[in-house]
Amino acid sequence: MPPDEHDDLKRLGERIAEAGRVRREAAEKAAGKASPTPAWIAIRFVAEMVAALIVGGCIGWCVDWAFDHWSPWHTRPWGIVIFFVLGVIAGIKNVMAAAKEINAEMAKRDSEK
C-alpha cells in the first residue's frame, strides 16, 4: 500500500471517529443526559453544603429558642453550635455522596463510549 493511501485511510478513520463522537454528544444533549460541567458540579457541591449548614443552624436556633422560653435550662449558644457542627458533618457527607454519584455516572458514560 503506497504511503499516500495509508495517510488517506488514517484521516478517514479519524473523521469517522470524530463524527461518531459528535453524534453521541448530540444524542446525549437531546436526551438531556449531557456530561456535567465543572461549574455544574461545583454548584451542586456548594448547594449540598449550604443546605446542610442552614438546616443545622436553624434547628440549633430553634432548640435554643425553645429551651430559653419553655425550660429552666438556658442552652444559648450551645444548641446552635452543636447543630451547626452537625450540619457541617452532614454537608460533608452529602458532598461525598454527590461526588460518588457523579463519578459513577461519568464512569458509566465512559464505559459506554
PDB file of N, CA and C in Angstrom:
ATOM      1  N   MET A   1       0.857  -1.170   0.000  1.00  0.00           N
ATOM      2  CA  MET A   1       0.000   0.000   0.000  1.00  0.00           C
ATOM      3  C   MET A   1       0.904   1.234   0.000  1.00  0.00           C
ATOM      4  N   PRO A   2       0.718   2.128  -0.954  1.00  0.00           N
ATOM      5  CA  PRO A   2       1.533   3.348  -1.014  1.00  0.00           C
ATOM      6  C   PRO A   2       1.280   4.232   0.211  1.00  0.00           C
ATOM      7  N   PRO A   3       2.272   5.061   0.592  1.00  0.00           N
ATOM      8  CA  PRO A   3       2.141   5.906   1.781  1.00  0.00           C
ATOM      9  C   PRO A   3       0.975   6.886   1.704  1.00  0.00           C
ATOM     10  N   ASP A   4       0.649   7.383   0.535  1.00  0.00           N
ATOM     11  CA  ASP A   4      -0.458   8.329   0.391  1.00  0.00           C
ATOM     12  C   ASP A   4      -1.786   7.675   0.749  1.00  0.00           C
ATOM     13  N   GLU A   5      -1.989   6.447   0.323  1.00  0.00           N
ATOM     14  CA  GLU A   5      -3.241   5.745   0.623  1.00  0.00           C
ATOM     15  C   GLU A   5      -3.347   5.461   2.134  1.00  0.00           C
ATOM     16  N   HIS A   6      -2.221   5.141   2.753  1.00  0.00           N
ATOM     17  CA  HIS A   6      -2.220   4.881   4.192  1.00  0.00           C
ATOM     18  C   HIS A   6      -2.632   6.140   4.960  1.00  0.00           C
ATOM     19  N   ASP A   7      -2.099   7.289   4.569  1.00  0.00           N
ATOM     20  CA  ASP A   7      -2.457   8.554   5.219  1.00  0.00           C
ATOM     21  C   ASP A   7      -3.919   8.891   4.987  1.00  0.00           C
ATOM     22  N   ASP A   8      -4.391   8.613   3.752  1.00  0.00           N
ATOM     23  CA  ASP A   8      -5.807   8.874   3.455  1.00  0.00           C
ATOM     24  C   ASP A   8      -6.720   8.026   4.328  1.00  0.00           C
ATOM     25  N   LEU A   9      -6.374   6.748   4.479  1.00  0.00           N
ATOM     26  CA  LEU A   9      -7.184   5.860   5.310  1.00  0.00           C
ATOM     27  C   LEU A   9      -7.135   6.294   6.778  1.00  0.00           C
ATOM     28  N   LYS A  10      -5.977   6.739   7.220  1.00  0.00           N
ATOM     29  CA  LYS A  10      -5.845   7.196   8.601  1.00  0.00           C
ATOM     30  C   LYS A  10      -6.719   8.428   8.830  1.00  0.00           C
ATOM     31  N   ARG A  11      -6.690   9.384   7.906  1.00  0.00           N
ATOM     32  CA  ARG A  11      -7.529  10.583   8.041  1.00  0.00           C
ATOM     33  C   ARG A  11      -9.012  10.228   7.978  1.00  0.00           C
ATOM     34  N   LEU A  12      -9.367   9.278   7.113  1.00  0.00           N
ATOM     35  CA  LEU A  12     -10.758   8.841   7.022  1.00  0.00           C
ATOM     36  C   LEU A  12     -11.207   8.215   8.340  1.00  0.00           C
ATOM     37  N   GLY A  13     -10.362   7.387   8.950  1.00  0.00           N
ATOM     38  CA  GLY A  13     -10.689   6.786  10.241  1.00  0.00           C
ATOM     39  C   GLY A  13     -10.870   7.846  11.319  1.00  0.00           C
ATOM     40  N   GLU A  14     -10.019   8.858  11.316  1.00  0.00           N
ATOM     41  CA  GLU A  14     -10.145   9.940  12.286  1.00  0.00           C
ATOM     42  C   GLU A  14     -11.443  10.722  12.089  1.00  0.00           C
ATOM     43  N   ARG A  15     -11.806  10.968  10.841  1.00  0.00           N
ATOM     44  CA  ARG A  15     -13.052  11.690  10.556  1.00  0.00           C
ATOM     45  C   ARG A  15     -14.266  10.877  10.993  1.00  0.00           C
ATOM     46  N   ILE A  16     -14.225   9.560  10.781  1.00  0.00           N
ATOM     47  CA  ILE A  16     -15.337   8.702  11.188  1.00  0.00           C
ATOM     48  C   ILE A  16     -15.457   8.692  12.712  1.00  0.00           C
ATOM     49  N   ALA A  17     -14.324   8.605  13.415  1.00  0.00           N
ATOM     50  CA  ALA A  17     -14.347   8.606  14.881  1.00  0.00           C
ATOM     51  C   ALA A  17     -14.890   9.941  15.397  1.00  0.00           C
ATOM     52  N   GLU A  18     -14.478  11.040  14.786  1.00  0.00           N
ATOM     53  CA  GLU A  18     -14.966  12.367  15.192  1.00  0.00           C
ATOM     54  C   GLU A  18     -16.470  12.488  14.940  1.00  0.00           C
ATOM     55  N   ALA A  19     -16.932  11.999  13.805  1.00  0.00           N
ATOM     56  CA  ALA A  19     -18.368  12.062  13.509  1.00  0.00           C
ATOM     57  C   ALA A  19     -19.163  11.240  14.520  1.00  0.00           C
ATOM     58  N   GLY A  20     -18.642  10.089  14.916  1.00  0.00           N
ATOM     59  CA  GLY A  20     -19.319   9.271  15.915  1.00  0.00           C
ATOM     60  C   GLY A  20     -19.387   9.958  17.268  1.00  0.00           C
ATOM     61  N   ARG A  21     -18.290  10.624  17.651  1.00  0.00           N
ATOM     62  CA  ARG A  21     -18.268  11.348  18.919  1.00  0.00           C
ATOM     63  C   ARG A  21     -19.259  12.496  18.903  1.00  0.00           C
ATOM     64  N   VAL A  22     -19.302  13.244  17.805  1.00  0.00           N
ATOM     65  CA  VAL A  22     -20.242  14.368  17.686  1.00  0.00           C
ATOM     66  C   VAL A  22     -21.676  13.856  17.738  1.00  0.00           C
ATOM     67  N   ARG A  23     -21.933  12.747  17.087  1.00  0.00           N
ATOM     68  CA  ARG A  23     -23.282  12.183  17.085  1.00  0.00           C
ATOM     69  C   ARG A  23     -23.701  11.730  18.488  1.00  0.00           C
ATOM     70  N   ARG A  24     -22.778  11.077  19.210  1.00  0.00           N
ATOM     71  CA  ARG A  24     -23.086  10.649  20.580  1.00  0.00           C
ATOM     72  C   ARG A  24     -23.385  11.845  21.476  1.00  0.00           C
ATOM     73  N   GLU A  25     -22.571  12.899  21.365  1.00  0.00           N
ATOM     74  CA  GLU A  25     -22.797  14.094  22.188  1.00  0.00           C
ATOM     75  C   GLU A  25     -24.133  14.743  21.865  1.00  0.00           C
ATOM     76  N   ALA A  26     -24.475  14.795  20.584  1.00  0.00           N
ATOM     77  CA  ALA A  26     -25.763  15.369  20.195  1.00  0.00           C
ATOM     78  C   ALA A  26     -26.915  14.525  20.732  1.00  0.00           C
ATOM     79  N   ALA A  27     -26.770  13.205  20.698  1.00  0.00           N
ATOM     80  CA  ALA A  27     -27.821  12.330  21.217  1.00  0.00           C
ATOM     81  C   ALA A  27     -27.959  12.493  22.734  1.00  0.00           C
ATOM     82  N   GLU A  28     -26.825  12.646  23.433  1.00  0.00           N
ATOM     83  CA  GLU A  28     -26.885  12.853  24.884  1.00  0.00           C
ATOM     84  C   GLU A  28     -27.569  14.166  25.224  1.00  0.00           C
ATOM     85  N   LYS A  29     -27.247  15.216  24.489  1.00  0.00           N
ATOM     86  CA  LYS A  29     -27.881  16.508  24.753  1.00  0.00           C
ATOM     87  C   LYS A  29     -29.373  16.445  24.452  1.00  0.00           C
ATOM     88  N   ALA A  30     -29.724  15.756  23.393  1.00  0.00           N
ATOM     89  CA  ALA A  30     -31.141  15.636  23.043  1.00  0.00           C
ATOM     90  C   ALA A  30     -31.890  14.840  24.108  1.00  0.00           C
ATOM     91  N   ALA A  31     -31.217  13.869  24.699  1.00  0.00           N
ATOM     92  CA  ALA A  31     -31.838  13.057  25.740  1.00  0.00           C
ATOM     93  C   ALA A  31     -31.759  13.727  27.106  1.00  0.00           C
ATOM     94  N   GLY A  32     -31.081  14.861  27.177  1.00  0.00           N
ATOM     95  CA  GLY A  32     -30.948  15.556  28.452  1.00  0.00           C
ATOM     96  C   GLY A  32     -29.910  14.928  29.365  1.00  0.00           C
ATOM     97  N   LYS A  33     -29.007  14.156  28.804  1.00  0.00           N
ATOM     98  CA  LYS A  33     -28.004  13.467  29.597  1.00  0.00           C
ATOM     99  C   LYS A  33     -26.603  13.934  29.233  1.00  0.00           C
ATOM    100  N   ALA A  34     -26.430  15.217  29.056  1.00  0.00           N
ATOM    101  CA  ALA A  34     -25.110  15.745  28.745  1.00  0.00           C
ATOM    102  C   ALA A  34     -24.199  15.572  29.958  1.00  0.00           C
ATOM    103  N   SER A  35     -22.929  15.430  29.692  1.00  0.00           N
ATOM    104  CA  SER A  35     -21.967  15.282  30.771  1.00  0.00           C
ATOM    105  C   SER A  35     -21.987  16.528  31.644  1.00  0.00           C
ATOM    106  N   PRO A  36     -21.910  16.351  32.961  1.00  0.00           N
ATOM    107  CA  PRO A  36     -21.917  17.519  33.835  1.00  0.00           C
ATOM    108  C   PRO A  36     -20.649  18.347  33.656  1.00  0.00           C
ATOM    109  N   THR A  37     -20.825  19.642  33.637  1.00  0.00           N
ATOM    110  CA  THR A  37     -19.684  20.544  33.502  1.00  0.00           C
ATOM    111  C   THR A  37     -19.072  20.781  34.875  1.00  0.00           C
ATOM    112  N   PRO A  38     -17.829  21.216  34.924  1.00  0.00           N
ATOM    113  CA  PRO A  38     -17.214  21.513  36.227  1.00  0.00           C
ATOM    114  C   PRO A  38     -17.999  22.565  37.012  1.00  0.00           C
ATOM    115  N   ALA A  39     -18.568  23.548  36.328  1.00  0.00           N
ATOM    116  CA  ALA A  39     -19.362  24.568  37.022  1.00  0.00           C
ATOM    117  C   ALA A  39     -20.604  23.942  37.657  1.00  0.00           C
ATOM    118  N   TRP A  40     -21.258  23.050  36.932  1.00  0.00           N
ATOM    119  CA  TRP A  40     -22.454  22.390  37.465  1.00  0.00           C
ATOM    120  C   TRP A  40     -22.092  21.556  38.691  1.00  0.00           C
ATOM    121  N   ILE A  41     -20.973  20.862  38.617  1.00  0.00           N
ATOM    122  CA  ILE A  41     -20.542  20.035  39.750  1.00  0.00           C
ATOM    123  C   ILE A  41     -20.256  20.916  40.964  1.00  0.00           C
ATOM    124  N   ALA A  42     -19.562  22.029  40.750  1.00  0.00           N
ATOM    125  CA  ALA A  42     -19.253  22.943  41.860  1.00  0.00           C
ATOM    126  C   ALA A  42     -20.521  23.521  42.471  1.00  0.00           C
ATOM    127  N   ILE A  43     -21.470  23.905  41.636  1.00  0.00           N
ATOM    128  CA  ILE A  43     -22.732  24.455  42.138  1.00  0.00           C
ATOM    129  C   ILE A  43     -23.470  23.400  42.962  1.00  0.00           C
ATOM    130  N   ARG A  44     -23.459  22.163  42.504  1.00  0.00           N
ATOM    131  CA  ARG A  44     -24.141  21.104  43.250  1.00  0.00           C
ATOM    132  C   ARG A  44     -23.485  20.891  44.614  1.00  0.00           C
ATOM    133  N   PHE A  45     -22.156  20.867  44.650  1.00  0.00           N
ATOM    134  CA  PHE A  45     -21.454  20.671  45.924  1.00  0.00           C
ATOM    135  C   PHE A  45     -21.737  21.820  46.883  1.00  0.00           C
ATOM    136  N   VAL A  46     -21.703  23.043  46.382  1.00  0.00           N
ATOM    137  CA  VAL A  46     -21.969  24.209  47.231  1.00  0.00           C
ATOM    138  C   VAL A  46     -23.404  24.159  47.753  1.00  0.00           C
ATOM    139  N   ALA A  47     -24.346  23.803  46.891  1.00  0.00           N
ATOM    140  CA  ALA A  47     -25.749  23.729  47.312  1.00  0.00           C
ATOM    141  C   ALA A  47     -25.944  22.671  48.388  1.00  0.00           C
ATOM    142  N   GLU A  48     -25.293  21.519  48.224  1.00  0.00           N
ATOM    143  CA  GLU A  48     -25.399  20.458  49.240  1.00  0.00           C
ATOM    144  C   GLU A  48     -24.867  20.949  50.589  1.00  0.00           C
ATOM    145  N   MET A  49     -23.722  21.634  50.564  1.00  0.00           N
ATOM    146  CA  MET A  49     -23.099  22.089  51.804  1.00  0.00           C
ATOM    147  C   MET A  49     -23.910  23.202  52.462  1.00  0.00           C
ATOM    148  N   VAL A  50     -24.331  24.184  51.677  1.00  0.00           N
ATOM    149  CA  VAL A  50     -25.081  25.317  52.225  1.00  0.00           C
ATOM    150  C   VAL A  50     -26.423  24.857  52.797  1.00  0.00           C
ATOM    151  N   ALA A  51     -27.081  23.952  52.104  1.00  0.00           N
ATOM    152  CA  ALA A  51     -28.369  23.461  52.606  1.00  0.00           C
ATOM    153  C   ALA A  51     -28.210  22.784  53.966  1.00  0.00           C
ATOM    154  N   ALA A  52     -27.175  21.962  54.110  1.00  0.00           N
ATOM    155  CA  ALA A  52     -26.951  21.283  55.393  1.00  0.00           C
ATOM    156  C   ALA A  52     -26.613  22.286  56.495  1.00  0.00           C
ATOM    157  N   LEU A  53     -25.822  23.313  56.179  1.00  0.00           N
ATOM    158  CA  LEU A  53     -25.466  24.321  57.181  1.00  0.00           C
ATOM    159  C   LEU A  53     -26.686  25.126  57.618  1.00  0.00           C
ATOM    160  N   ILE A  54     -27.532  25.489  56.665  1.00  0.00           N
ATOM    161  CA  ILE A  54     -28.738  26.257  57.003  1.00  0.00           C
ATOM    162  C   ILE A  54     -29.680  25.432  57.867  1.00  0.00           C
ATOM    163  N   VAL A  55     -29.888  24.184  57.485  1.00  0.00           N
ATOM    164  CA  VAL A  55     -30.782  23.322  58.272  1.00  0.00           C
ATOM    165  C   VAL A  55     -30.220  23.119  59.674  1.00  0.00           C
ATOM    166  N   GLY A  56     -28.926  22.830  59.787  1.00  0.00           N
ATOM    167  CA  GLY A  56     -28.319  22.642  61.099  1.00  0.00           C
ATOM    168  C   GLY A  56     -28.404  23.898  61.949  1.00  0.00           C
ATOM    169  N   GLY A  57     -28.111  25.050  61.362  1.00  0.00           N
ATOM    170  CA  GLY A  57     -28.188  26.303  62.104  1.00  0.00           C
ATOM    171  C   GLY A  57     -29.602  26.629  62.541  1.00  0.00           C
ATOM    172  N   CYS A  58     -30.568  26.399  61.675  1.00  0.00           N
ATOM    173  CA  CYS A  58     -31.974  26.672  62.033  1.00  0.00           C
ATOM    174  C   CYS A  58     -32.461  25.750  63.151  1.00  0.00           C
ATOM    175  N   ILE A  59     -32.120  24.486  63.069  1.00  0.00           N
ATOM    176  CA  ILE A  59     -32.525  23.559  64.134  1.00  0.00           C
ATOM    177  C   ILE A  59     -31.891  23.979  65.452  1.00  0.00           C
ATOM    178  N   GLY A  60     -30.598  24.339  65.426  1.00  0.00           N
ATOM    179  CA  GLY A  60     -29.926  24.785  66.637  1.00  0.00           C
ATOM    180  C   GLY A  60     -30.554  26.040  67.215  1.00  0.00           C
ATOM    181  N   TRP A  61     -30.895  26.984  66.356  1.00  0.00           N
ATOM    182  CA  TRP A  61     -31.555  28.209  66.820  1.00  0.00           C
ATOM    183  C   TRP A  61     -32.908  27.889  67.446  1.00  0.00           C
ATOM    184  N   CYS A  62     -33.659  26.993  66.819  1.00  0.00           N
ATOM    185  CA  CYS A  62     -34.971  26.608  67.368  1.00  0.00           C
ATOM    186  C   CYS A  62     -34.831  25.914  68.723  1.00  0.00           C
ATOM    187  N   VAL A  63     -33.819  25.058  68.862  1.00  0.00           N
ATOM    188  CA  VAL A  63     -33.590  24.392  70.144  1.00  0.00           C
ATOM    189  C   VAL A  63     -33.261  25.428  71.217  1.00  0.00           C
ATOM    190  N   ASP A  64     -32.367  26.354  70.897  1.00  0.00           N
ATOM    191  CA  ASP A  64     -32.030  27.403  71.874  1.00  0.00           C
ATOM    192  C   ASP A  64     -33.252  28.241  72.232  1.00  0.00           C
ATOM    193  N   TRP A  65     -34.021  28.612  71.249  1.00  0.00           N
ATOM    194  CA  TRP A  65     -35.224  29.433  71.489  1.00  0.00           C
ATOM    195  C   TRP A  65     -36.213  28.685  72.383  1.00  0.00           C
ATOM    196  N   ALA A  66     -36.444  27.404  72.063  1.00  0.00           N
ATOM    197  CA  ALA A  66     -37.398  26.607  72.829  1.00  0.00           C
ATOM    198  C   ALA A  66     -36.942  26.429  74.275  1.00  0.00           C
ATOM    199  N   PHE A  67     -35.666  26.126  74.470  1.00  0.00           N
ATOM    200  CA  PHE A  67     -35.169  25.953  75.837  1.00  0.00           C
ATOM    201  C   PHE A  67     -35.185  27.266  76.611  1.00  0.00           C
ATOM    202  N   ASP A  68     -34.930  28.385  75.942  1.00  0.00           N
ATOM    203  CA  ASP A  68     -34.966  29.678  76.634  1.00  0.00           C
ATOM    204  C   ASP A  68     -36.380  30.062  77.039  1.00  0.00           C
ATOM    205  N   HIS A  69     -37.383  29.659  76.274  1.00  0.00           N
ATOM    206  CA  HIS A  69     -38.757  30.056  76.559  1.00  0.00           C
ATOM    207  C   HIS A  69     -39.524  29.075  77.441  1.00  0.00           C
ATOM    208  N   TRP A  70     -39.268  27.790  77.310  1.00  0.00           N
ATOM    209  CA  TRP A  70     -40.103  26.803  77.979  1.00  0.00           C
ATOM    210  C   TRP A  70     -39.373  25.912  78.964  1.00  0.00           C
ATOM    211  N   SER A  71     -38.143  26.233  79.293  1.00  0.00           N
ATOM    212  CA  SER A  71     -37.379  25.341  80.143  1.00  0.00           C
ATOM    213  C   SER A  71     -36.590  26.154  81.168  1.00  0.00           C
ATOM    214  N   PRO A  72     -36.288  25.552  82.303  1.00  0.00           N
ATOM    215  CA  PRO A  72     -35.446  26.265  83.264  1.00  0.00           C
ATOM    216  C   PRO A  72     -33.981  26.316  82.820  1.00  0.00           C
ATOM    217  N   TRP A  73     -33.586  25.486  81.849  1.00  0.00           N
ATOM    218  CA  TRP A  73     -32.204  25.478  81.359  1.00  0.00           C
ATOM    219  C   TRP A  73     -32.090  26.406  80.171  1.00  0.00           C
ATOM    220  N   HIS A  74     -31.075  27.190  80.171  1.00  0.00           N
ATOM    221  CA  HIS A  74     -30.816  28.088  79.045  1.00  0.00           C
ATOM    222  C   HIS A  74     -29.601  27.555  78.283  1.00  0.00           C
ATOM    223  N   THR A  75     -29.838  27.141  77.063  1.00  0.00           N
ATOM    224  CA  THR A  75     -28.791  26.476  76.281  1.00  0.00           C
ATOM    225  C   THR A  75     -28.050  27.416  75.345  1.00  0.00           C
ATOM    226  N   ARG A  76     -28.487  28.649  75.234  1.00  0.00           N
ATOM    227  CA  ARG A  76     -27.868  29.556  74.271  1.00  0.00           C
ATOM    228  C   ARG A  76     -26.402  29.738  74.595  1.00  0.00           C
ATOM    229  N   PRO A  77     -25.480  29.623  73.716  1.00  0.00           N
ATOM    230  CA  PRO A  77     -25.487  29.343  72.285  1.00  0.00           C
ATOM    231  C   PRO A  77     -25.184  27.895  71.942  1.00  0.00           C
ATOM    232  N   TRP A  78     -25.247  26.991  72.940  1.00  0.00           N
ATOM    233  CA  TRP A  78     -24.798  25.624  72.696  1.00  0.00           C
ATOM    234  C   TRP A  78     -25.652  24.872  71.684  1.00  0.00           C
ATOM    235  N   GLY A  79     -26.925  25.123  71.636  1.00  0.00           N
ATOM    236  CA  GLY A  79     -27.774  24.430  70.655  1.00  0.00           C
ATOM    237  C   GLY A  79     -27.366  24.758  69.229  1.00  0.00           C
ATOM    238  N   ILE A  80     -27.160  26.040  68.972  1.00  0.00           N
ATOM    239  CA  ILE A  80     -26.781  26.430  67.610  1.00  0.00           C
ATOM    240  C   ILE A  80     -25.373  25.949  67.267  1.00  0.00           C
ATOM    241  N   VAL A  81     -24.472  25.962  68.224  1.00  0.00           N
ATOM    242  CA  VAL A  81     -23.106  25.492  67.962  1.00  0.00           C
ATOM    243  C   VAL A  81     -23.106  23.999  67.641  1.00  0.00           C
ATOM    244  N   ILE A  82     -23.783  23.220  68.463  1.00  0.00           N
ATOM    245  CA  ILE A  82     -23.808  21.766  68.268  1.00  0.00           C
ATOM    246  C   ILE A  82     -24.486  21.405  66.948  1.00  0.00           C
ATOM    247  N   PHE A  83     -25.629  22.006  66.673  1.00  0.00           N
ATOM    248  CA  PHE A  83     -26.328  21.654  65.447  1.00  0.00           C
ATOM    249  C   PHE A  83     -25.652  22.223  64.206  1.00  0.00           C
ATOM    250  N   PHE A  84     -24.925  23.328  64.348  1.00  0.00           N
ATOM    251  CA  PHE A  84     -24.151  23.841  63.222  1.00  0.00           C
ATOM    252  C   PHE A  84     -23.026  22.865  62.882  1.00  0.00           C
ATOM    253  N   VAL A  85     -22.356  22.337  63.908  1.00  0.00           N
ATOM    254  CA  VAL A  85     -21.304  21.344  63.676  1.00  0.00           C
ATOM    255  C   VAL A  85     -21.897  20.081  63.050  1.00  0.00           C
ATOM    256  N   LEU A  86     -23.060  19.664  63.531  1.00  0.00           N
ATOM    257  CA  LEU A  86     -23.730  18.510  62.906  1.00  0.00           C
ATOM    258  C   LEU A  86     -24.099  18.816  61.453  1.00  0.00           C
ATOM    259  N   GLY A  87     -24.481  20.057  61.180  1.00  0.00           N
ATOM    260  CA  GLY A  87     -24.767  20.467  59.804  1.00  0.00           C
ATOM    261  C   GLY A  87     -23.524  20.401  58.928  1.00  0.00           C
ATOM    262  N   VAL A  88     -22.371  20.796  59.471  1.00  0.00           N
ATOM    263  CA  VAL A  88     -21.116  20.696  58.721  1.00  0.00           C
ATOM    264  C   VAL A  88     -20.818  19.236  58.399  1.00  0.00           C
ATOM    265  N   ILE A  89     -20.984  18.379  59.379  1.00  0.00           N
ATOM    266  CA  ILE A  89     -20.735  16.941  59.167  1.00  0.00           C
ATOM    267  C   ILE A  89     -21.695  16.388  58.111  1.00  0.00           C
ATOM    268  N   ALA A  90     -22.965  16.744  58.217  1.00  0.00           N
ATOM    269  CA  ALA A  90     -23.945  16.279  57.234  1.00  0.00           C
ATOM    270  C   ALA A  90     -23.632  16.836  55.848  1.00  0.00           C
ATOM    271  N   GLY A  91     -23.203  18.095  55.771  1.00  0.00           N
ATOM    272  CA  GLY A  91     -22.852  18.699  54.486  1.00  0.00           C
ATOM    273  C   GLY A  91     -21.691  17.986  53.826  1.00  0.00           C
ATOM    274  N   ILE A  92     -20.665  17.672  54.604  1.00  0.00           N
ATOM    275  CA  ILE A  92     -19.509  16.952  54.059  1.00  0.00           C
ATOM    276  C   ILE A  92     -19.934  15.569  53.580  1.00  0.00           C
ATOM    277  N   LYS A  93     -20.782  14.915  54.362  1.00  0.00           N
ATOM    278  CA  LYS A  93     -21.274  13.590  53.959  1.00  0.00           C
ATOM    279  C   LYS A  93     -22.099  13.688  52.663  1.00  0.00           C
ATOM    280  N   ASN A  94     -22.928  14.712  52.547  1.00  0.00           N
ATOM    281  CA  ASN A  94     -23.731  14.905  51.333  1.00  0.00           C
ATOM    282  C   ASN A  94     -22.846  15.185  50.120  1.00  0.00           C
ATOM    283  N   VAL A  95     -21.811  15.992  50.291  1.00  0.00           N
ATOM    284  CA  VAL A  95     -20.902  16.298  49.177  1.00  0.00           C
ATOM    285  C   VAL A  95     -20.164  15.030  48.748  1.00  0.00           C
ATOM    286  N   MET A  96     -19.744  14.219  49.712  1.00  0.00           N
ATOM    287  CA  MET A  96     -19.064  12.970  49.358  1.00  0.00           C
ATOM    288  C   MET A  96     -20.001  12.020  48.607  1.00  0.00           C
ATOM    289  N   ALA A  97     -21.256  11.952  49.034  1.00  0.00           N
ATOM    290  CA  ALA A  97     -22.224  11.096  48.342  1.00  0.00           C
ATOM    291  C   ALA A  97     -22.487  11.619  46.931  1.00  0.00           C
ATOM    292  N   ALA A  98     -22.584  12.939  46.777  1.00  0.00           N
ATOM    293  CA  ALA A  98     -22.799  13.520  45.450  1.00  0.00           C
ATOM    294  C   ALA A  98     -21.597  13.259  44.548  1.00  0.00           C
ATOM    295  N   ALA A  99     -20.385  13.334  45.101  1.00  0.00           N
ATOM    296  CA  ALA A  99     -19.180  13.062  44.315  1.00  0.00           C
ATOM    297  C   ALA A  99     -19.155  11.606  43.853  1.00  0.00           C
ATOM    298  N   LYS A 100     -19.531  10.687  44.741  1.00  0.00           N
ATOM    299  CA  LYS A 100     -19.589   9.272  44.350  1.00  0.00           C
ATOM    300  C   LYS A 100     -20.607   9.060  43.232  1.00  0.00           C
ATOM    301  N   GLU A 101     -21.757   9.711  43.361  1.00  0.00           N
ATOM    302  CA  GLU A 101     -22.800   9.579  42.344  1.00  0.00           C
ATOM    303  C   GLU A 101     -22.324  10.118  40.997  1.00  0.00           C
ATOM    304  N   ILE A 102     -21.687  11.265  41.000  1.00  0.00           N
ATOM    305  CA  ILE A 102     -21.206  11.866  39.751  1.00  0.00           C
ATOM    306  C   ILE A 102     -20.094  11.012  39.153  1.00  0.00           C
ATOM    307  N   ASN A 103     -19.179  10.498  39.993  1.00  0.00           N
ATOM    308  CA  ASN A 103     -18.112   9.635  39.486  1.00  0.00           C
ATOM    309  C   ASN A 103     -18.663   8.362  38.874  1.00  0.00           C
ATOM    310  N   ALA A 104     -19.659   7.771  39.506  1.00  0.00           N
ATOM    311  CA  ALA A 104     -20.263   6.559  38.960  1.00  0.00           C
ATOM    312  C   ALA A 104     -20.933   6.838  37.626  1.00  0.00           C
ATOM    313  N   GLU A 105     -21.620   7.979  37.542  1.00  0.00           N
ATOM    314  CA  GLU A 105     -22.287   8.359  36.296  1.00  0.00           C
ATOM    315  C   GLU A 105     -21.268   8.597  35.172  1.00  0.00           C
ATOM    316  N   MET A 106     -20.167   9.278  35.506  1.00  0.00           N
ATOM    317  CA  MET A 106     -19.133   9.549  34.497  1.00  0.00           C
ATOM    318  C   MET A 106     -18.452   8.254  34.056  1.00  0.00           C
ATOM    319  N   ALA A 107     -18.201   7.332  34.992  1.00  0.00           N
ATOM    320  CA  ALA A 107     -17.583   6.058  34.656  1.00  0.00           C
ATOM    321  C   ALA A 107     -18.503   5.243  33.751  1.00  0.00           C
ATOM    322  N   LYS A 108     -19.796   5.283  34.027  1.00  0.00           N
ATOM    323  CA  LYS A 108     -20.760   4.564  33.198  1.00  0.00           C
ATOM    324  C   LYS A 108     -20.764   5.120  31.783  1.00  0.00           C
ATOM    325  N   ARG A 109     -20.734   6.443  31.663  1.00  0.00           N
ATOM    326  CA  ARG A 109     -20.716   7.064  30.322  1.00  0.00           C
ATOM    327  C   ARG A 109     -19.424   6.746  29.590  1.00  0.00           C
ATOM    328  N   ASP A 110     -18.291   6.738  30.316  1.00  0.00           N
ATOM    329  CA  ASP A 110     -17.018   6.428  29.672  1.00  0.00           C
ATOM    330  C   ASP A 110     -16.973   4.988  29.181  1.00  0.00           C
ATOM    331  N   SER A 111     -17.586   4.071  29.939  1.00  0.00           N
ATOM    332  CA  SER A 111     -17.588   2.678  29.534  1.00  0.00           C
ATOM    333  C   SER A 111     -18.503   2.431  28.341  1.00  0.00           C
ATOM    334  N   GLU A 112     -19.508   3.282  28.169  1.00  0.00           N
ATOM    335  CA  GLU A 112     -20.425   3.146  27.031  1.00  0.00           C
ATOM    336  C   GLU A 112     -19.789   3.623  25.733  1.00  0.00           C
ATOM    337  N   LYS A 113     -18.786   4.482  25.845  1.00  0.00           N
ATOM    338  CA  LYS A 113     -18.166   5.044  24.622  1.00  0.00           C
ATOM    339  C   LYS A 113     -17.226   4.096  23.984  1.00  0.00           C
TER     340      LYS A 113
END
